[in-house]
Structure formats: C-alpha cells, structure tokens
PDB file of N, CA and C in Angstrom:
ATOM      1  N   MET A   1       0.890  -1.183  -0.083  1.00  0.00           N
ATOM      2  CA  MET A   1      -0.035   0.050  -0.090  1.00  0.00           C
ATOM      3  C   MET A   1       0.941   1.035  -0.008  1.00  0.00           C
ATOM      4  N   ILE A   2       0.374   2.421  -0.875  1.00  0.00           N
ATOM      5  CA  ILE A   2       1.223   3.319  -1.002  1.00  0.00           C
ATOM      6  C   ILE A   2       0.800   4.239   0.198  1.00  0.00           C
ATOM      7  N   THR A   3       1.790   5.121   1.001  1.00  0.00           N
ATOM      8  CA  THR A   3       1.610   5.822   2.123  1.00  0.00           C
ATOM      9  C   THR A   3       1.869   6.979   1.780  1.00  0.00           C
ATOM     10  N   LEU A   4       1.281   7.980   2.546  1.00  0.00           N
ATOM     11  CA  LEU A   4       1.256   9.461   2.317  1.00  0.00           C
ATOM     12  C   LEU A   4       2.888  10.096   2.183  1.00  0.00           C
ATOM     13  N   SER A   5       3.867   9.168   2.871  1.00  0.00           N
ATOM     14  CA  SER A   5       5.295   9.683   2.836  1.00  0.00           C
ATOM     15  C   SER A   5       5.624   9.246   1.166  1.00  0.00           C
ATOM     16  N   ASP A   6       5.204   8.435   0.693  1.00  0.00           N
ATOM     17  CA  ASP A   6       5.696   7.928  -0.653  1.00  0.00           C
ATOM     18  C   ASP A   6       5.112   8.997  -1.691  1.00  0.00           C
ATOM     19  N   PHE A   7       3.744   9.627  -1.559  1.00  0.00           N
ATOM     20  CA  PHE A   7       3.642  10.554  -2.462  1.00  0.00           C
ATOM     21  C   PHE A   7       4.360  11.784  -2.183  1.00  0.00           C
ATOM     22  N   LEU A   8       4.740  12.143  -0.898  1.00  0.00           N
ATOM     23  CA  LEU A   8       5.380  13.209  -0.617  1.00  0.00           C
ATOM     24  C   LEU A   8       6.817  13.330  -0.877  1.00  0.00           C
ATOM     25  N   ILE A   9       7.429  11.987  -1.191  1.00  0.00           N
ATOM     26  CA  ILE A   9       8.709  11.946  -1.925  1.00  0.00           C
ATOM     27  C   ILE A   9       8.840  12.084  -3.196  1.00  0.00           C
ATOM     28  N   ILE A  10       7.917  11.938  -3.830  1.00  0.00           N
ATOM     29  CA  ILE A  10       7.388  11.952  -5.536  1.00  0.00           C
ATOM     30  C   ILE A  10       7.475  13.320  -5.422  1.00  0.00           C
ATOM     31  N   SER A  11       6.419  13.853  -4.829  1.00  0.00           N
ATOM     32  CA  SER A  11       6.275  15.238  -5.217  1.00  0.00           C
ATOM     33  C   SER A  11       7.598  16.170  -5.046  1.00  0.00           C
ATOM     34  N   ALA A  12       8.376  15.518  -3.878  1.00  0.00           N
ATOM     35  CA  ALA A  12       9.618  16.660  -3.469  1.00  0.00           C
ATOM     36  C   ALA A  12      10.598  16.210  -4.543  1.00  0.00           C
ATOM     37  N   ALA A  13      10.648  15.092  -5.229  1.00  0.00           N
ATOM     38  CA  ALA A  13      11.397  14.850  -6.341  1.00  0.00           C
ATOM     39  C   ALA A  13      10.838  15.697  -7.528  1.00  0.00           C
ATOM     40  N   LEU A  14       9.726  15.586  -7.868  1.00  0.00           N
ATOM     41  CA  LEU A  14       9.165  16.328  -8.977  1.00  0.00           C
ATOM     42  C   LEU A  14       9.613  17.933  -8.955  1.00  0.00           C
ATOM     43  N   PHE A  15       9.320  18.363  -7.828  1.00  0.00           N
ATOM     44  CA  PHE A  15       9.483  19.745  -7.381  1.00  0.00           C
ATOM     45  C   PHE A  15      11.021  20.138  -7.405  1.00  0.00           C
ATOM     46  N   CYS A  16      11.753  19.095  -7.092  1.00  0.00           N
ATOM     47  CA  CYS A  16      13.580  19.546  -7.413  1.00  0.00           C
ATOM     48  C   CYS A  16      13.892  19.428  -8.867  1.00  0.00           C
ATOM     49  N   ILE A  17      13.152  18.608  -9.515  1.00  0.00           N
ATOM     50  CA  ILE A  17      13.557  18.328 -11.107  1.00  0.00           C
ATOM     51  C   ILE A  17      13.023  19.446 -11.857  1.00  0.00           C
ATOM     52  N   GLY A  18      11.937  20.194 -11.420  1.00  0.00           N
ATOM     53  CA  GLY A  18      11.335  21.281 -11.750  1.00  0.00           C
ATOM     54  C   GLY A  18      12.316  22.608 -11.628  1.00  0.00           C
ATOM     55  N   LEU A  19      12.676  22.822 -10.344  1.00  0.00           N
ATOM     56  CA  LEU A  19      13.739  23.545 -10.072  1.00  0.00           C
ATOM     57  C   LEU A  19      14.929  23.813 -10.755  1.00  0.00           C
ATOM     58  N   TYR A  20      15.424  22.785 -10.706  1.00  0.00           N
ATOM     59  CA  TYR A  20      16.735  22.185 -11.639  1.00  0.00           C
ATOM     60  C   TYR A  20      16.662  22.859 -13.086  1.00  0.00           C
ATOM     61  N   ILE A  21      15.596  22.451 -13.642  1.00  0.00           N
ATOM     62  CA  ILE A  21      15.071  22.824 -15.118  1.00  0.00           C
ATOM     63  C   ILE A  21      15.245  24.411 -15.377  1.00  0.00           C
ATOM     64  N   ILE A  22      14.516  24.746 -14.229  1.00  0.00           N
ATOM     65  CA  ILE A  22      14.183  26.217 -14.122  1.00  0.00           C
ATOM     66  C   ILE A  22      15.758  27.148 -14.078  1.00  0.00           C
ATOM     67  N   LEU A  23      16.736  26.405 -13.300  1.00  0.00           N
ATOM     68  CA  LEU A  23      17.969  27.072 -12.850  1.00  0.00           C
ATOM     69  C   LEU A  23      18.715  26.908 -14.168  1.00  0.00           C
ATOM     70  N   ALA A  24      18.979  25.566 -14.525  1.00  0.00           N
ATOM     71  CA  ALA A  24      19.629  25.341 -15.439  1.00  0.00           C
ATOM     72  C   ALA A  24      19.735  25.714 -17.148  1.00  0.00           C
ATOM     73  N   LYS A  25      18.133  25.711 -17.466  1.00  0.00           N
ATOM     74  CA  LYS A  25      18.195  26.006 -18.769  1.00  0.00           C
ATOM     75  C   LYS A  25      18.028  27.498 -19.457  1.00  0.00           C
ATOM     76  N   ARG A  26      18.337  27.705 -20.645  1.00  0.00           N
ATOM     77  CA  ARG A  26      18.314  28.859 -21.359  1.00  0.00           C
ATOM     78  C   ARG A  26      17.174  29.062 -22.294  1.00  0.00           C
ATOM     79  N   ASN A  27      16.233  28.137 -22.218  1.00  0.00           N
ATOM     80  CA  ASN A  27      15.119  28.137 -23.301  1.00  0.00           C
ATOM     81  C   ASN A  27      14.092  28.489 -22.488  1.00  0.00           C
ATOM     82  N   ALA A  28      13.389  29.367 -23.201  1.00  0.00           N
ATOM     83  CA  ALA A  28      12.040  29.849 -22.444  1.00  0.00           C
ATOM     84  C   ALA A  28      10.858  28.618 -22.470  1.00  0.00           C
ATOM     85  N   ILE A  29      10.961  27.701 -23.605  1.00  0.00           N
ATOM     86  CA  ILE A  29       9.979  26.218 -23.308  1.00  0.00           C
ATOM     87  C   ILE A  29      10.254  25.316 -22.088  1.00  0.00           C
ATOM     88  N   GLN A  30      11.642  25.453 -22.268  1.00  0.00           N
ATOM     89  CA  GLN A  30      12.186  24.502 -21.218  1.00  0.00           C
ATOM     90  C   GLN A  30      11.845  24.812 -19.757  1.00  0.00           C
ATOM     91  N   ILE A  31      12.114  26.254 -19.540  1.00  0.00           N
ATOM     92  CA  ILE A  31      11.545  26.868 -18.145  1.00  0.00           C
ATOM     93  C   ILE A  31      10.065  26.955 -17.875  1.00  0.00           C
ATOM     94  N   LEU A  32       9.318  26.962 -18.826  1.00  0.00           N
ATOM     95  CA  LEU A  32       7.828  26.757 -18.982  1.00  0.00           C
ATOM     96  C   LEU A  32       7.696  25.119 -18.333  1.00  0.00           C
ATOM     97  N   ILE A  33       8.257  24.318 -18.938  1.00  0.00           N
ATOM     98  CA  ILE A  33       8.347  23.006 -18.475  1.00  0.00           C
ATOM     99  C   ILE A  33       8.557  22.646 -17.125  1.00  0.00           C
ATOM    100  N   GLY A  34       9.545  23.422 -16.506  1.00  0.00           N
ATOM    101  CA  GLY A  34       9.944  23.155 -15.163  1.00  0.00           C
ATOM    102  C   GLY A  34       9.016  23.913 -14.307  1.00  0.00           C
ATOM    103  N   ILE A  35       8.454  24.928 -14.801  1.00  0.00           N
ATOM    104  CA  ILE A  35       7.337  25.691 -13.933  1.00  0.00           C
ATOM    105  C   ILE A  35       6.193  24.639 -13.822  1.00  0.00           C
ATOM    106  N   GLU A  36       5.865  23.740 -14.827  1.00  0.00           N
ATOM    107  CA  GLU A  36       4.766  22.974 -14.838  1.00  0.00           C
ATOM    108  C   GLU A  36       5.003  21.888 -13.969  1.00  0.00           C
ATOM    109  N   LEU A  37       6.435  21.425 -14.148  1.00  0.00           N
ATOM    110  CA  LEU A  37       6.761  20.215 -13.239  1.00  0.00           C
ATOM    111  C   LEU A  37       6.249  20.672 -11.705  1.00  0.00           C
ATOM    112  N   MET A  38       6.886  21.937 -11.308  1.00  0.00           N
ATOM    113  CA  MET A  38       6.583  22.162  -9.894  1.00  0.00           C
ATOM    114  C   MET A  38       5.300  22.246  -9.583  1.00  0.00           C
ATOM    115  N   LEU A  39       4.335  22.930 -10.603  1.00  0.00           N
ATOM    116  CA  LEU A  39       3.121  22.977 -10.388  1.00  0.00           C
ATOM    117  C   LEU A  39       2.509  21.874 -10.241  1.00  0.00           C
ATOM    118  N   ASN A  40       3.064  20.388 -10.970  1.00  0.00           N
ATOM    119  CA  ASN A  40       2.223  19.136 -10.641  1.00  0.00           C
ATOM    120  C   ASN A  40       2.783  18.553  -9.200  1.00  0.00           C
ATOM    121  N   ALA A  41       3.888  18.815  -8.999  1.00  0.00           N
ATOM    122  CA  ALA A  41       4.297  18.521  -7.624  1.00  0.00           C
ATOM    123  C   ALA A  41       3.518  19.402  -6.605  1.00  0.00           C
ATOM    124  N   ALA A  42       3.127  20.116  -6.628  1.00  0.00           N
ATOM    125  CA  ALA A  42       2.028  21.136  -5.598  1.00  0.00           C
ATOM    126  C   ALA A  42       0.570  20.337  -5.776  1.00  0.00           C
ATOM    127  N   ILE A  43       0.083  19.984  -7.031  1.00  0.00           N
ATOM    128  CA  ILE A  43      -1.070  19.346  -7.303  1.00  0.00           C
ATOM    129  C   ILE A  43      -1.113  17.871  -6.619  1.00  0.00           C
ATOM    130  N   LEU A  44      -0.083  17.450  -6.910  1.00  0.00           N
ATOM    131  CA  LEU A  44       0.019  15.903  -6.325  1.00  0.00           C
ATOM    132  C   LEU A  44       0.106  15.940  -4.767  1.00  0.00           C
ATOM    133  N   ASN A  45       0.756  16.957  -4.218  1.00  0.00           N
ATOM    134  CA  ASN A  45       0.339  17.090  -2.960  1.00  0.00           C
ATOM    135  C   ASN A  45      -0.973  17.553  -2.089  1.00  0.00           C
ATOM    136  N   LEU A  46      -1.678  18.204  -3.127  1.00  0.00           N
ATOM    137  CA  LEU A  46      -3.120  18.460  -2.585  1.00  0.00           C
ATOM    138  C   LEU A  46      -3.916  17.002  -2.810  1.00  0.00           C
ATOM    139  N   VAL A  47      -3.734  16.335  -3.719  1.00  0.00           N
ATOM    140  CA  VAL A  47      -4.610  15.236  -4.083  1.00  0.00           C
ATOM    141  C   VAL A  47      -4.192  14.154  -2.952  1.00  0.00           C
ATOM    142  N   ALA A  48      -2.513  14.157  -2.624  1.00  0.00           N
ATOM    143  CA  ALA A  48      -2.190  12.926  -1.472  1.00  0.00           C
ATOM    144  C   ALA A  48      -3.109  13.241  -0.148  1.00  0.00           C
ATOM    145  N   PHE A  49      -2.963  14.739   0.363  1.00  0.00           N
ATOM    146  CA  PHE A  49      -3.477  14.860   1.538  1.00  0.00           C
ATOM    147  C   PHE A  49      -5.177  14.851   1.517  1.00  0.00           C
ATOM    148  N   GLY A  50      -5.590  15.153   0.384  1.00  0.00           N
ATOM    149  CA  GLY A  50      -7.041  14.957   0.241  1.00  0.00           C
ATOM    150  C   GLY A  50      -7.606  13.488   0.122  1.00  0.00           C
ATOM    151  N   LYS A  51      -6.612  12.384  -0.102  1.00  0.00           N
ATOM    152  CA  LYS A  51      -6.962  11.072  -0.038  1.00  0.00           C
ATOM    153  C   LYS A  51      -6.903  10.825   1.238  1.00  0.00           C
ATOM    154  N   TYR A  52      -5.957  10.981   2.231  1.00  0.00           N
ATOM    155  CA  TYR A  52      -5.712  10.623   3.552  1.00  0.00           C
ATOM    156  C   TYR A  52      -6.501  11.458   4.342  1.00  0.00           C
ATOM    157  N   ASP A  53      -7.260  12.410   3.909  1.00  0.00           N
ATOM    158  CA  ASP A  53      -8.298  13.093   4.666  1.00  0.00           C
ATOM    159  C   ASP A  53      -9.444  12.518   4.486  1.00  0.00           C
ATOM    160  N   LYS A  54     -10.099  12.039   5.811  1.00  0.00           N
ATOM    161  CA  LYS A  54     -11.286  11.303   5.714  1.00  0.00           C
ATOM    162  C   LYS A  54     -12.713  12.115   5.684  1.00  0.00           C
ATOM    163  N   ILE A  55     -12.388  13.361   6.150  1.00  0.00           N
ATOM    164  CA  ILE A  55     -13.553  14.242   6.500  1.00  0.00           C
ATOM    165  C   ILE A  55     -14.153  14.622   5.369  1.00  0.00           C
ATOM    166  N   ASN A  56     -13.503  15.205   4.123  1.00  0.00           N
ATOM    167  CA  ASN A  56     -13.955  15.825   3.196  1.00  0.00           C
ATOM    168  C   ASN A  56     -12.989  15.787   1.787  1.00  0.00           C
ATOM    169  N   ASN A  57     -13.246  16.388   0.979  1.00  0.00           N
ATOM    170  CA  ASN A  57     -12.652  16.125  -0.615  1.00  0.00           C
ATOM    171  C   ASN A  57     -12.260  17.540  -0.878  1.00  0.00           C
ATOM    172  N   GLY A  58     -11.605  18.455   0.123  1.00  0.00           N
ATOM    173  CA  GLY A  58     -11.055  19.605  -0.088  1.00  0.00           C
ATOM    174  C   GLY A  58      -9.785  19.702  -1.323  1.00  0.00           C
ATOM    175  N   GLY A  59      -8.779  18.399  -0.804  1.00  0.00           N
ATOM    176  CA  GLY A  59      -7.430  18.294  -1.466  1.00  0.00           C
ATOM    177  C   GLY A  59      -8.175  18.309  -2.967  1.00  0.00           C
ATOM    178  N   GLN A  60      -9.003  17.423  -3.406  1.00  0.00           N
ATOM    179  CA  GLN A  60      -9.251  16.925  -4.897  1.00  0.00           C
ATOM    180  C   GLN A  60     -10.012  18.497  -5.444  1.00  0.00           C
ATOM    181  N   VAL A  61     -10.571  19.123  -4.693  1.00  0.00           N
ATOM    182  CA  VAL A  61     -11.146  20.343  -5.333  1.00  0.00           C
ATOM    183  C   VAL A  61     -10.467  21.373  -5.751  1.00  0.00           C
ATOM    184  N   PHE A  62      -9.141  21.396  -4.374  1.00  0.00           N
ATOM    185  CA  PHE A  62      -8.493  22.414  -4.817  1.00  0.00           C
ATOM    186  C   PHE A  62      -7.251  21.975  -5.726  1.00  0.00           C
ATOM    187  N   ALA A  63      -6.925  20.883  -6.021  1.00  0.00           N
ATOM    188  CA  ALA A  63      -6.198  20.324  -7.180  1.00  0.00           C
ATOM    189  C   ALA A  63      -6.886  20.362  -8.655  1.00  0.00           C
ATOM    190  N   LEU A  64      -8.063  20.314  -8.439  1.00  0.00           N
ATOM    191  CA  LEU A  64      -8.795  20.684 -10.174  1.00  0.00           C
ATOM    192  C   LEU A  64      -8.854  22.099 -10.266  1.00  0.00           C
ATOM    193  N   PHE A  65      -8.819  23.057  -9.317  1.00  0.00           N
ATOM    194  CA  PHE A  65      -8.780  24.184  -9.532  1.00  0.00           C
ATOM    195  C   PHE A  65      -7.346  24.665  -9.920  1.00  0.00           C
ATOM    196  N   ALA A  66      -6.476  24.151  -9.311  1.00  0.00           N
ATOM    197  CA  ALA A  66      -4.996  24.248  -9.900  1.00  0.00           C
ATOM    198  C   ALA A  66      -4.510  23.833 -10.884  1.00  0.00           C
ATOM    199  N   ILE A  67      -5.375  22.851 -11.570  1.00  0.00           N
ATOM    200  CA  ILE A  67      -5.091  22.329 -12.797  1.00  0.00           C
ATOM    201  C   ILE A  67      -5.432  23.262 -14.123  1.00  0.00           C
ATOM    202  N   VAL A  68      -6.844  23.582 -13.583  1.00  0.00           N
ATOM    203  CA  VAL A  68      -7.347  24.787 -14.592  1.00  0.00           C
ATOM    204  C   VAL A  68      -6.636  25.961 -14.775  1.00  0.00           C
ATOM    205  N   LEU A  69      -5.852  26.472 -13.541  1.00  0.00           N
ATOM    206  CA  LEU A  69      -5.302  27.564 -13.592  1.00  0.00           C
ATOM    207  C   LEU A  69      -4.015  27.242 -14.222  1.00  0.00           C
ATOM    208  N   ALA A  70      -3.213  26.064 -13.976  1.00  0.00           N
ATOM    209  CA  ALA A  70      -2.112  25.639 -14.843  1.00  0.00           C
ATOM    210  C   ALA A  70      -2.478  25.775 -16.002  1.00  0.00           C
ATOM    211  N   ALA A  71      -3.347  25.183 -16.879  1.00  0.00           N
ATOM    212  CA  ALA A  71      -3.776  25.203 -17.986  1.00  0.00           C
ATOM    213  C   ALA A  71      -3.672  26.861 -18.635  1.00  0.00           C
ATOM    214  N   ALA A  72      -4.589  27.554 -17.938  1.00  0.00           N
ATOM    215  CA  ALA A  72      -4.368  28.812 -18.371  1.00  0.00           C
ATOM    216  C   ALA A  72      -3.404  29.410 -18.439  1.00  0.00           C
ATOM    217  N   THR A  73      -2.437  29.528 -17.407  1.00  0.00           N
ATOM    218  CA  THR A  73      -1.023  30.051 -17.354  1.00  0.00           C
ATOM    219  C   THR A  73      -0.284  29.235 -18.602  1.00  0.00           C
ATOM    220  N   THR A  74      -0.372  28.489 -18.603  1.00  0.00           N
ATOM    221  CA  THR A  74       0.449  27.845 -19.948  1.00  0.00           C
ATOM    222  C   THR A  74       0.171  28.383 -21.206  1.00  0.00           C
ATOM    223  N   ALA A  75      -1.362  28.272 -21.607  1.00  0.00           N
ATOM    224  CA  ALA A  75      -1.683  29.009 -22.611  1.00  0.00           C
ATOM    225  C   ALA A  75      -1.159  30.553 -22.990  1.00  0.00           C
ATOM    226  N   VAL A  76      -1.476  31.236 -21.974  1.00  0.00           N
ATOM    227  CA  VAL A  76      -0.947  32.566 -21.851  1.00  0.00           C
ATOM    228  C   VAL A  76       0.552  32.669 -21.823  1.00  0.00           C
ATOM    229  N   ALA A  77       1.196  31.742 -21.091  1.00  0.00           N
ATOM    230  CA  ALA A  77       2.887  31.961 -21.349  1.00  0.00           C
ATOM    231  C   ALA A  77       3.313  31.565 -23.032  1.00  0.00           C
ATOM    232  N   LEU A  78       2.646  30.374 -23.501  1.00  0.00           N
ATOM    233  CA  LEU A  78       3.001  30.091 -24.620  1.00  0.00           C
ATOM    234  C   LEU A  78       2.875  31.485 -25.680  1.00  0.00           C
ATOM    235  N   ALA A  79       1.692  31.910 -25.621  1.00  0.00           N
ATOM    236  CA  ALA A  79       1.453  33.265 -26.335  1.00  0.00           C
ATOM    237  C   ALA A  79       2.494  34.191 -26.142  1.00  0.00           C
ATOM    238  N   ILE A  80       2.869  34.526 -24.984  1.00  0.00           N
ATOM    239  CA  ILE A  80       3.975  35.624 -24.654  1.00  0.00           C
ATOM    240  C   ILE A  80       5.201  34.991 -25.382  1.00  0.00           C
ATOM    241  N   ILE A  81       5.453  33.730 -25.241  1.00  0.00           N
ATOM    242  CA  ILE A  81       6.959  33.232 -25.885  1.00  0.00           C
ATOM    243  C   ILE A  81       6.865  33.285 -27.281  1.00  0.00           C
ATOM    244  N   LEU A  82       5.749  32.946 -27.907  1.00  0.00           N
ATOM    245  CA  LEU A  82       5.362  33.215 -29.431  1.00  0.00           C
ATOM    246  C   LEU A  82       5.616  34.639 -29.824  1.00  0.00           C
ATOM    247  N   ASN A  83       5.140  35.808 -29.105  1.00  0.00           N
ATOM    248  CA  ASN A  83       5.184  37.053 -29.594  1.00  0.00           C
ATOM    249  C   ASN A  83       6.634  37.627 -29.507  1.00  0.00           C
ATOM    250  N   VAL A  84       7.450  36.927 -28.147  1.00  0.00           N
ATOM    251  CA  VAL A  84       8.689  37.378 -28.106  1.00  0.00           C
ATOM    252  C   VAL A  84       9.580  36.904 -29.059  1.00  0.00           C
ATOM    253  N   TYR A  85       9.231  35.549 -29.470  1.00  0.00           N
ATOM    254  CA  TYR A  85      10.356  34.744 -30.751  1.00  0.00           C
ATOM    255  C   TYR A  85       9.769  35.808 -32.077  1.00  0.00           C
ATOM    256  N   ARG A  86       8.599  36.260 -32.368  1.00  0.00           N
ATOM    257  CA  ARG A  86       8.376  37.186 -33.542  1.00  0.00           C
ATOM    258  C   ARG A  86       9.253  38.219 -33.325  1.00  0.00           C
ATOM    259  N   ARG A  87       9.084  38.777 -32.381  1.00  0.00           N
ATOM    260  CA  ARG A  87       9.879  40.134 -32.248  1.00  0.00           C
ATOM    261  C   ARG A  87      11.378  40.125 -32.251  1.00  0.00           C
ATOM    262  N   TYR A  88      12.083  39.123 -31.460  1.00  0.00           N
ATOM    263  CA  TYR A  88      13.457  39.022 -31.380  1.00  0.00           C
ATOM    264  C   TYR A  88      14.100  37.951 -32.178  1.00  0.00           C
ATOM    265  N   ASN A  89      13.281  36.920 -32.761  1.00  0.00           N
ATOM    266  CA  ASN A  89      13.698  35.869 -33.382  1.00  0.00           C
ATOM    267  C   ASN A  89      14.650  34.598 -32.398  1.00  0.00           C
ATOM    268  N   THR A  90      14.242  34.756 -31.016  1.00  0.00           N
ATOM    269  CA  THR A  90      14.905  33.874 -29.984  1.00  0.00           C
ATOM    270  C   THR A  90      13.958  33.830 -28.861  1.00  0.00           C
ATOM    271  N   ILE A  91      13.931  32.584 -28.082  1.00  0.00           N
ATOM    272  CA  ILE A  91      13.654  32.208 -26.901  1.00  0.00           C
ATOM    273  C   ILE A  91      14.272  32.109 -25.678  1.00  0.00           C
ATOM    274  N   ASP A  92      15.430  32.567 -26.062  1.00  0.00           N
ATOM    275  CA  ASP A  92      16.549  32.819 -24.732  1.00  0.00           C
ATOM    276  C   ASP A  92      16.175  33.883 -23.908  1.00  0.00           C
ATOM    277  N   PRO A  93      15.608  33.742 -22.757  1.00  0.00           N
ATOM    278  CA  PRO A  93      15.369  34.755 -21.916  1.00  0.00           C
ATOM    279  C   PRO A  93      16.488  35.977 -21.635  1.00  0.00           C
ATOM    280  N   GLY A  94      17.749  35.338 -21.665  1.00  0.00           N
ATOM    281  CA  GLY A  94      19.076  36.217 -21.352  1.00  0.00           C
ATOM    282  C   GLY A  94      19.255  37.014 -22.545  1.00  0.00           C
ATOM    283  N   LYS A  95      18.752  36.820 -23.812  1.00  0.00           N
ATOM    284  CA  LYS A  95      19.030  37.682 -24.899  1.00  0.00           C
ATOM    285  C   LYS A  95      18.111  38.453 -24.945  1.00  0.00           C
ATOM    286  N   VAL A  96      17.066  38.583 -24.673  1.00  0.00           N
ATOM    287  CA  VAL A  96      15.769  39.485 -24.527  1.00  0.00           C
ATOM    288  C   VAL A  96      16.129  40.612 -23.705  1.00  0.00           C
ATOM    289  N   ASN A  97      16.395  41.787 -23.936  1.00  0.00           N
ATOM    290  CA  ASN A  97      17.263  42.772 -22.990  1.00  0.00           C
ATOM    291  C   ASN A  97      16.137  43.918 -23.286  1.00  0.00           C
ATOM    292  N   ASN A  98      15.335  44.246 -24.011  1.00  0.00           N
ATOM    293  CA  ASN A  98      14.184  45.231 -24.324  1.00  0.00           C
ATOM    294  C   ASN A  98      12.821  44.960 -24.478  1.00  0.00           C
ATOM    295  N   LEU A  99      12.274  45.251 -23.477  1.00  0.00           N
ATOM    296  CA  LEU A  99      10.831  44.657 -23.725  1.00  0.00           C
ATOM    297  C   LEU A  99       9.735  45.676 -24.336  1.00  0.00           C
ATOM    298  N   GLY A 100      10.519  47.091 -23.992  1.00  0.00           N
ATOM    299  CA  GLY A 100       9.570  48.388 -24.707  1.00  0.00           C
ATOM    300  C   GLY A 100       9.836  48.497 -25.937  1.00  0.00           C
ATOM    301  N   ASP A 101       9.458  49.586 -26.492  1.00  0.00           N
ATOM    302  CA  ASP A 101       9.484  50.105 -27.842  1.00  0.00           C
ATOM    303  C   ASP A 101       8.429  49.411 -28.703  1.00  0.00           C
TER     304      ASP A 101
END
C-alpha cells in the first residue's frame, strides 16, 4: 500500500527536478516545462493530502482548480513566448534585453 510519505517523496523529487530545469536551462519553453513540473508537484501534494483526509474532498477540489489555472497560465505563457520569438527571433530569456518600444 502506498503511504502518504511515498506521495510526498515523489512530489519533492518532481519539485526539485522542476527547480533544476528552471535554474539550468536557457530556453523559455524548457523553463515553462520546469514551472509545470513544480505545479504538478503541488497538485500531487493536494491530491495526496485529500486522499488521506477522511472528512472531505477539499484536496481534490483545490487540485482541480490548480489544474485549470495551470492550463490557462500555460496558454498565456506560450502566447507570450510566441510574440517574443516573433519580435526578437530567440526564445532565450537572457538575450531579450528590451521589452519596450
């Protein structure tokens, strides 16, 4: 049987992998993937705590809202990345130095 600590270990590993991707990569798409991994780790925590809470299903409800918000955030981020690429011909955040004009 899978215990709560197993879920928390997997979630911590996902979060650490996402953090590593954010800190190590120089590509906006890869950074977005790292953010999504970190969000999925948080959602896994919500579902795990909701599973072991016998009183109500609050964790699952919060997880559903988090999934919807993550999907909307990803759509907006991809639109921004496409517009930055169209203007600067790169998706390297370090090379985009002027967001005005």
